[in-house]
Amino acid sequence: MRGGGRKPCRQKGTGRARAGSNRSPLWRGGGVIFGPKPRDFEVKMNRKERRLALRTAFQSRVDDMVVVQTFADQLSAPKTKEVLSAMERWGVEPDQKVLMITAEKNDVIYRSVRNVAKIKLILATNLNAYDIVLADRLVVTTAALEKIQEVYSA
């Protein structure tokens, strides 16, 4: 709080309350009592519990999962239209939220889907339960499915 270095009025004889600064929270233009402070809302979760939650979420979404072959080699250049037409062929409707899971990072796929608001691209190693539950459909490549089974199997 800037300012407020001088006592606003004398201690005695004015009939006003004692005040040491005009930046007191009681004064207009003063500070904020118990104002907001930076806070960390992160909750610690055990590794085994997190993996169990991820496995459970993934198993519950098996009906909404579409397993496809790796299609990055079929895209010669980043084309959003080609990816969206492939989604329609796989039975994914345009208004559904889609989580695409790939085994490794591919720049062509990323640049093809980054402009579509309803599609989220994620690596198999960065999987999380929130994204799995939030999505309407999951599109998983076979290589990513193998990596998920390898990393997260019991």
C-alpha atoms as a PDB file:
ATOM      1  CA  MET A   1       0.000   0.000   0.000  1.00  0.00           C
ATOM      2  CA  ARG A   2       1.499   3.336  -1.013  1.00  0.00           C
ATOM      3  CA  GLY A   3       1.170   6.508   0.986  1.00  0.00           C
ATOM      4  CA  GLY A   4      -0.149   6.968   4.489  1.00  0.00           C
ATOM      5  CA  GLY A   5       3.162   7.997   5.999  1.00  0.00           C
ATOM      6  CA  ARG A   6       1.805  10.993   7.947  1.00  0.00           C
ATOM      7  CA  LYS A   7      -0.656  10.841  10.809  1.00  0.00           C
ATOM      8  CA  PRO A   8      -3.959  12.240   9.392  1.00  0.00           C
ATOM      9  CA  CYS A   9      -4.931  14.211  12.489  1.00  0.00           C
ATOM     10  CA  ARG A  10      -3.652  14.888  15.985  1.00  0.00           C
ATOM     11  CA  GLN A  11      -3.994  12.192  18.628  1.00  0.00           C
ATOM     12  CA  LYS A  12      -6.003  14.368  21.049  1.00  0.00           C
ATOM     13  CA  GLY A  13      -8.232  17.388  21.036  1.00  0.00           C
ATOM     14  CA  THR A  14     -10.023  17.075  17.688  1.00  0.00           C
ATOM     15  CA  GLY A  15     -12.947  14.886  18.777  1.00  0.00           C
ATOM     16  CA  ARG A  16     -12.158  12.399  16.008  1.00  0.00           C
ATOM     17  CA  ALA A  17     -11.026   8.817  16.429  1.00  0.00           C
ATOM     18  CA  ARG A  18      -7.337   8.042  16.840  1.00  0.00           C
ATOM     19  CA  ALA A  19      -5.807   7.231  13.438  1.00  0.00           C
ATOM     20  CA  GLY A  20      -2.235   6.555  12.477  1.00  0.00           C
ATOM     21  CA  SER A  21      -2.632   6.294   8.721  1.00  0.00           C
ATOM     22  CA  ASN A  22      -5.171   7.107   6.052  1.00  0.00           C
ATOM     23  CA  ARG A  23      -4.340   3.754   4.398  1.00  0.00           C
ATOM     24  CA  SER A  24      -5.976   1.782   7.193  1.00  0.00           C
ATOM     25  CA  PRO A  25      -8.607  -0.729   6.002  1.00  0.00           C
ATOM     26  CA  LEU A  26     -11.257   1.304   7.835  1.00  0.00           C
ATOM     27  CA  TRP A  27     -10.614   4.352   5.678  1.00  0.00           C
ATOM     28  CA  ARG A  28     -11.781   5.032   2.153  1.00  0.00           C
ATOM     29  CA  GLY A  29      -8.851   4.317  -0.178  1.00  0.00           C
ATOM     30  CA  GLY A  30      -7.265   2.083   2.428  1.00  0.00           C
ATOM     31  CA  GLY A  31      -6.098  -1.510   2.277  1.00  0.00           C
ATOM     32  CA  VAL A  32      -8.139  -4.709   2.038  1.00  0.00           C
ATOM     33  CA  ILE A  33      -8.605  -6.804   5.168  1.00  0.00           C
ATOM     34  CA  PHE A  34      -7.480 -10.415   4.547  1.00  0.00           C
ATOM     35  CA  GLY A  35      -7.118  -9.781   0.815  1.00  0.00           C
ATOM     36  CA  PRO A  36      -6.504 -12.589  -1.700  1.00  0.00           C
ATOM     37  CA  LYS A  37      -3.154 -14.324  -1.523  1.00  0.00           C
ATOM     38  CA  PRO A  38      -1.558 -16.785  -3.967  1.00  0.00           C
ATOM     39  CA  ARG A  39      -2.723 -20.266  -3.029  1.00  0.00           C
ATOM     40  CA  ASP A  40      -1.968 -23.755  -4.286  1.00  0.00           C
ATOM     41  CA  PHE A  41      -5.102 -25.884  -4.654  1.00  0.00           C
ATOM     42  CA  GLU A  42      -3.209 -29.022  -5.666  1.00  0.00           C
ATOM     43  CA  VAL A  43      -4.189 -32.183  -3.817  1.00  0.00           C
ATOM     44  CA  LYS A  44      -1.641 -34.948  -3.354  1.00  0.00           C
ATOM     45  CA  MET A  45      -2.762 -38.326  -4.609  1.00  0.00           C
ATOM     46  CA  ASN A  46      -0.874 -41.584  -4.257  1.00  0.00           C
ATOM     47  CA  ARG A  47       0.619 -43.003  -7.453  1.00  0.00           C
ATOM     48  CA  LYS A  48      -1.224 -46.335  -7.149  1.00  0.00           C
ATOM     49  CA  GLU A  49      -4.532 -44.556  -6.544  1.00  0.00           C
ATOM     50  CA  ARG A  50      -3.973 -42.305  -9.563  1.00  0.00           C
ATOM     51  CA  ARG A  51      -3.184 -45.286 -11.804  1.00  0.00           C
ATOM     52  CA  LEU A  52      -6.227 -47.167 -10.503  1.00  0.00           C
ATOM     53  CA  ALA A  53      -8.445 -44.158 -11.241  1.00  0.00           C
ATOM     54  CA  LEU A  54      -6.982 -43.905 -14.729  1.00  0.00           C
ATOM     55  CA  ARG A  55      -7.484 -47.628 -15.411  1.00  0.00           C
ATOM     56  CA  THR A  56     -11.060 -47.488 -14.119  1.00  0.00           C
ATOM     57  CA  ALA A  57     -11.892 -44.413 -16.210  1.00  0.00           C
ATOM     58  CA  PHE A  58     -10.340 -45.987 -19.307  1.00  0.00           C
ATOM     59  CA  GLN A  59     -12.201 -49.295 -18.829  1.00  0.00           C
ATOM     60  CA  SER A  60     -15.498 -47.503 -18.313  1.00  0.00           C
ATOM     61  CA  ARG A  61     -15.083 -45.751 -21.693  1.00  0.00           C
ATOM     62  CA  VAL A  62     -14.451 -48.906 -23.767  1.00  0.00           C
ATOM     63  CA  ASP A  63     -17.881 -48.585 -25.440  1.00  0.00           C
ATOM     64  CA  ASP A  64     -17.061 -45.032 -26.620  1.00  0.00           C
ATOM     65  CA  MET A  65     -13.584 -45.946 -27.885  1.00  0.00           C
ATOM     66  CA  VAL A  66     -12.577 -46.114 -31.541  1.00  0.00           C
ATOM     67  CA  VAL A  67      -9.299 -47.963 -32.172  1.00  0.00           C
ATOM     68  CA  VAL A  68      -7.615 -47.007 -35.449  1.00  0.00           C
ATOM     69  CA  GLN A  69      -4.359 -47.807 -37.195  1.00  0.00           C
ATOM     70  CA  THR A  70      -1.682 -45.128 -37.189  1.00  0.00           C
ATOM     71  CA  PHE A  71      -2.847 -42.660 -39.799  1.00  0.00           C
ATOM     72  CA  ALA A  72      -0.058 -40.071 -39.603  1.00  0.00           C
ATOM     73  CA  ASP A  73       1.759 -41.566 -42.613  1.00  0.00           C
ATOM     74  CA  GLN A  74      -1.400 -41.186 -44.732  1.00  0.00           C
ATOM     75  CA  LEU A  75      -1.443 -37.412 -44.111  1.00  0.00           C
ATOM     76  CA  SER A  76       1.132 -35.873 -46.416  1.00  0.00           C
ATOM     77  CA  ALA A  77       0.449 -32.353 -45.157  1.00  0.00           C
ATOM     78  CA  PRO A  78      -1.519 -30.975 -42.190  1.00  0.00           C
ATOM     79  CA  LYS A  79      -5.119 -30.958 -43.424  1.00  0.00           C
ATOM     80  CA  THR A  80      -7.938 -30.440 -40.930  1.00  0.00           C
ATOM     81  CA  LYS A  81     -10.528 -31.413 -43.542  1.00  0.00           C
ATOM     82  CA  GLU A  82      -8.951 -34.856 -44.016  1.00  0.00           C
ATOM     83  CA  VAL A  83      -8.885 -35.552 -40.275  1.00  0.00           C
ATOM     84  CA  LEU A  84     -12.529 -34.469 -39.889  1.00  0.00           C
ATOM     85  CA  SER A  85     -13.615 -36.685 -42.802  1.00  0.00           C
ATOM     86  CA  ALA A  86     -11.697 -39.592 -41.229  1.00  0.00           C
ATOM     87  CA  MET A  87     -13.533 -38.925 -37.955  1.00  0.00           C
ATOM     88  CA  GLU A  88     -16.876 -39.159 -39.767  1.00  0.00           C
ATOM     89  CA  ARG A  89     -15.804 -42.470 -41.338  1.00  0.00           C
ATOM     90  CA  TRP A  90     -14.975 -43.781 -37.868  1.00  0.00           C
ATOM     91  CA  GLY A  91     -18.464 -42.886 -36.650  1.00  0.00           C
ATOM     92  CA  VAL A  92     -17.571 -39.779 -34.660  1.00  0.00           C
ATOM     93  CA  GLU A  93     -20.132 -37.004 -35.013  1.00  0.00           C
ATOM     94  CA  PRO A  94     -18.857 -33.427 -35.526  1.00  0.00           C
ATOM     95  CA  ASP A  95     -20.506 -32.034 -32.369  1.00  0.00           C
ATOM     96  CA  GLN A  96     -18.939 -34.616 -30.012  1.00  0.00           C
ATOM     97  CA  LYS A  97     -15.926 -33.898 -27.819  1.00  0.00           C
ATOM     98  CA  VAL A  98     -13.118 -36.162 -28.991  1.00  0.00           C
ATOM     99  CA  LEU A  99      -9.943 -37.192 -27.200  1.00  0.00           C
ATOM    100  CA  MET A 100      -7.298 -38.406 -29.651  1.00  0.00           C
ATOM    101  CA  ILE A 101      -4.591 -40.536 -28.054  1.00  0.00           C
ATOM    102  CA  THR A 102      -1.380 -41.191 -29.981  1.00  0.00           C
ATOM    103  CA  ALA A 103       1.757 -43.102 -29.008  1.00  0.00           C
ATOM    104  CA  GLU A 104       4.300 -40.464 -30.000  1.00  0.00           C
ATOM    105  CA  LYS A 105       4.222 -36.793 -30.894  1.00  0.00           C
ATOM    106  CA  ASN A 106       3.462 -36.158 -34.547  1.00  0.00           C
ATOM    107  CA  ASP A 107       3.592 -32.616 -35.892  1.00  0.00           C
ATOM    108  CA  VAL A 108       1.316 -33.341 -38.884  1.00  0.00           C
ATOM    109  CA  ILE A 109      -1.514 -34.668 -36.696  1.00  0.00           C
ATOM    110  CA  TYR A 110      -1.079 -31.870 -34.154  1.00  0.00           C
ATOM    111  CA  ARG A 111      -1.252 -29.168 -36.826  1.00  0.00           C
ATOM    112  CA  SER A 112      -4.272 -30.874 -38.392  1.00  0.00           C
ATOM    113  CA  VAL A 113      -6.394 -30.894 -35.228  1.00  0.00           C
ATOM    114  CA  ARG A 114      -5.188 -27.845 -33.288  1.00  0.00           C
ATOM    115  CA  ASN A 115      -7.788 -25.570 -34.909  1.00  0.00           C
ATOM    116  CA  VAL A 116     -10.751 -27.803 -33.991  1.00  0.00           C
ATOM    117  CA  ALA A 117     -12.208 -26.827 -30.617  1.00  0.00           C
ATOM    118  CA  LYS A 118     -13.878 -30.177 -29.882  1.00  0.00           C
ATOM    119  CA  ILE A 119     -10.766 -32.328 -30.498  1.00  0.00           C
ATOM    120  CA  LYS A 120      -8.009 -32.689 -27.916  1.00  0.00           C
ATOM    121  CA  LEU A 121      -4.784 -34.480 -28.829  1.00  0.00           C
ATOM    122  CA  ILE A 122      -2.828 -36.172 -26.051  1.00  0.00           C
ATOM    123  CA  LEU A 123       0.061 -38.618 -25.830  1.00  0.00           C
ATOM    124  CA  ALA A 124      -0.405 -42.052 -24.273  1.00  0.00           C
ATOM    125  CA  THR A 125       2.215 -41.208 -21.649  1.00  0.00           C
ATOM    126  CA  ASN A 126       0.386 -38.005 -20.605  1.00  0.00           C
ATOM    127  CA  LEU A 127      -2.994 -39.656 -20.086  1.00  0.00           C
ATOM    128  CA  ASN A 128      -5.224 -38.360 -17.289  1.00  0.00           C
ATOM    129  CA  ALA A 129      -8.601 -39.422 -15.924  1.00  0.00           C
ATOM    130  CA  TYR A 130     -10.174 -35.960 -16.302  1.00  0.00           C
ATOM    131  CA  ASP A 131      -9.694 -35.826 -20.081  1.00  0.00           C
ATOM    132  CA  ILE A 132     -10.943 -39.417 -20.466  1.00  0.00           C
ATOM    133  CA  VAL A 133     -14.133 -38.756 -18.513  1.00  0.00           C
ATOM    134  CA  LEU A 134     -14.749 -35.362 -20.158  1.00  0.00           C
ATOM    135  CA  ALA A 135     -14.608 -36.627 -23.756  1.00  0.00           C
ATOM    136  CA  ASP A 136     -17.639 -38.063 -25.563  1.00  0.00           C
ATOM    137  CA  ARG A 137     -15.545 -40.309 -27.825  1.00  0.00           C
ATOM    138  CA  LEU A 138     -11.989 -41.633 -27.588  1.00  0.00           C
ATOM    139  CA  VAL A 139      -9.947 -42.182 -30.751  1.00  0.00           C
ATOM    140  CA  VAL A 140      -6.929 -44.339 -29.902  1.00  0.00           C
ATOM    141  CA  THR A 141      -4.223 -45.590 -32.235  1.00  0.00           C
ATOM    142  CA  THR A 142      -3.129 -49.212 -31.879  1.00  0.00           C
ATOM    143  CA  ALA A 143       0.411 -48.170 -30.925  1.00  0.00           C
ATOM    144  CA  ALA A 144      -0.987 -45.906 -28.214  1.00  0.00           C
ATOM    145  CA  LEU A 145      -3.188 -48.712 -26.906  1.00  0.00           C
ATOM    146  CA  GLU A 146      -0.144 -50.988 -26.619  1.00  0.00           C
ATOM    147  CA  LYS A 147       1.780 -48.259 -24.801  1.00  0.00           C
ATOM    148  CA  ILE A 148      -1.146 -47.676 -22.410  1.00  0.00           C
ATOM    149  CA  GLN A 149      -1.319 -51.364 -21.626  1.00  0.00           C
ATOM    150  CA  GLU A 150       2.428 -51.467 -21.092  1.00  0.00           C
ATOM    151  CA  VAL A 151       2.585 -48.407 -18.806  1.00  0.00           C
ATOM    152  CA  TYR A 152      -0.675 -48.611 -16.861  1.00  0.00           C
ATOM    153  CA  SER A 153      -1.353 -52.349 -16.617  1.00  0.00           C
ATOM    154  CA  ALA A 154      -1.579 -53.786 -13.105  1.00  0.00           C
END
